[in-house]
Protein backbone atom coordinates (compact mmCIF):
# COMPACT_ATOMS: atom_id res chain seq x y z
CA UNK A 1 42.09 25.84 20.32
CA UNK A 2 43.25 26.45 23.84
CA UNK A 3 41.24 25.15 26.73
CA UNK A 4 38.99 22.82 24.73
CA UNK A 5 38.69 19.19 25.51
CA UNK A 6 37.29 16.38 23.47
CA UNK A 7 33.76 15.58 24.53
CA UNK A 8 33.14 12.16 25.94
CA UNK A 9 31.45 9.66 23.66
CA UNK A 10 27.75 9.57 24.57
CA UNK A 11 27.81 5.80 24.29
CA UNK A 12 30.71 4.55 26.30
CA UNK A 13 32.44 1.48 24.98
CA UNK A 14 31.02 -0.60 27.79
CA UNK A 15 27.46 0.42 26.90
CA UNK A 16 25.81 -1.22 23.92
CA UNK A 17 22.79 -0.10 21.98
CA UNK A 18 20.19 -2.84 21.83
CA UNK A 19 17.75 -2.95 18.94
CA UNK A 20 14.74 -5.11 19.55
CA UNK A 21 12.98 -7.01 16.78
CA UNK A 22 9.83 -4.92 17.21
CA UNK A 23 11.87 -1.73 16.89
CA UNK A 24 13.44 -2.96 13.66
CA UNK A 25 10.07 -4.05 12.25
CA UNK A 26 8.63 -0.65 13.08
CA UNK A 27 11.58 1.03 11.38
CA UNK A 28 11.18 -1.13 8.27
CA UNK A 29 7.45 -0.38 8.12
CA UNK A 30 8.12 3.34 8.43
CA UNK A 31 10.78 3.23 5.71
CA UNK A 32 8.46 1.30 3.37
CA UNK A 33 5.73 3.89 3.93
CA UNK A 34 8.18 6.72 3.21
CA UNK A 35 9.41 5.04 0.03
CA UNK A 36 5.84 4.44 -1.14
CA UNK A 37 4.87 8.05 -0.42
CA UNK A 38 7.97 9.27 -2.25
CA UNK A 39 7.01 7.19 -5.29
CA UNK A 40 3.49 8.64 -5.32
CA UNK A 41 4.81 12.19 -5.00
CA UNK A 42 7.30 11.55 -7.81
CA UNK A 43 4.51 10.31 -10.10
CA UNK A 44 2.40 13.37 -9.26
CA UNK A 45 5.35 15.66 -9.93
CA UNK A 46 6.02 14.04 -13.31
CA UNK A 47 2.33 14.41 -14.23
CA UNK A 48 2.54 18.09 -13.31
CA UNK A 49 5.67 18.58 -15.41
CA UNK A 50 4.03 16.84 -18.39
CA UNK A 51 0.92 18.99 -18.04
CA UNK A 52 2.99 22.17 -17.87
CA UNK A 53 5.01 21.14 -20.93
CA UNK A 54 1.81 20.53 -22.89
CA UNK A 55 0.34 23.88 -21.86
CA UNK A 56 3.53 25.71 -22.75
CA UNK A 57 3.54 24.00 -26.16
CA UNK A 58 -0.07 25.05 -26.76
CA UNK A 59 0.65 28.63 -25.70
CA UNK A 60 3.70 28.82 -27.96
CA UNK A 61 1.62 27.62 -30.89
CA UNK A 62 -1.08 30.18 -30.11
CA UNK A 63 1.53 32.94 -29.96
CA UNK A 64 2.95 31.85 -33.30
CA UNK A 65 -0.52 31.89 -34.83
CA UNK A 66 -1.13 35.38 -33.48
CA UNK A 67 2.20 36.59 -34.87
CA UNK A 68 1.65 35.14 -38.35
CA UNK A 69 -0.90 37.67 -39.68
CA UNK A 70 1.31 40.63 -38.77
CA UNK A 71 3.67 39.85 -41.66
CA UNK A 72 1.27 41.49 -44.14
CA UNK A 73 -0.71 44.66 -43.87
CA UNK A 74 -4.48 44.37 -44.00
CA UNK A 75 -4.61 45.98 -47.42
CA UNK A 76 -2.05 43.55 -48.91
CA UNK A 77 -4.42 40.59 -48.92
CA UNK A 78 -4.21 40.22 -52.73
CA UNK A 79 -0.48 39.43 -52.66
C-alpha cells in the first residue's frame, strides 16, 4: 500500500521489559485462581448436562407411556 510505513516497535531493542518476582508471583496466583474457577465451572456444567440428560430420558419414557394406549381403541380391551 502506498504511503504506509512500518510502525516502530513499542519496545525498542535497547529497552528491556523487567519482570519483578512479586509481579510473577501475583501472575501465578491469578492463573491458579482462574484454573481453579474454571474447574469448578466445568464440574457445575457437567452436573447440569447430566441433570438435563436424566430429565430428557424421563420425559421420553413418559411420552412413550402416553403413546402406548393409543394403539387400541377403548372398546377393544378384550383383544
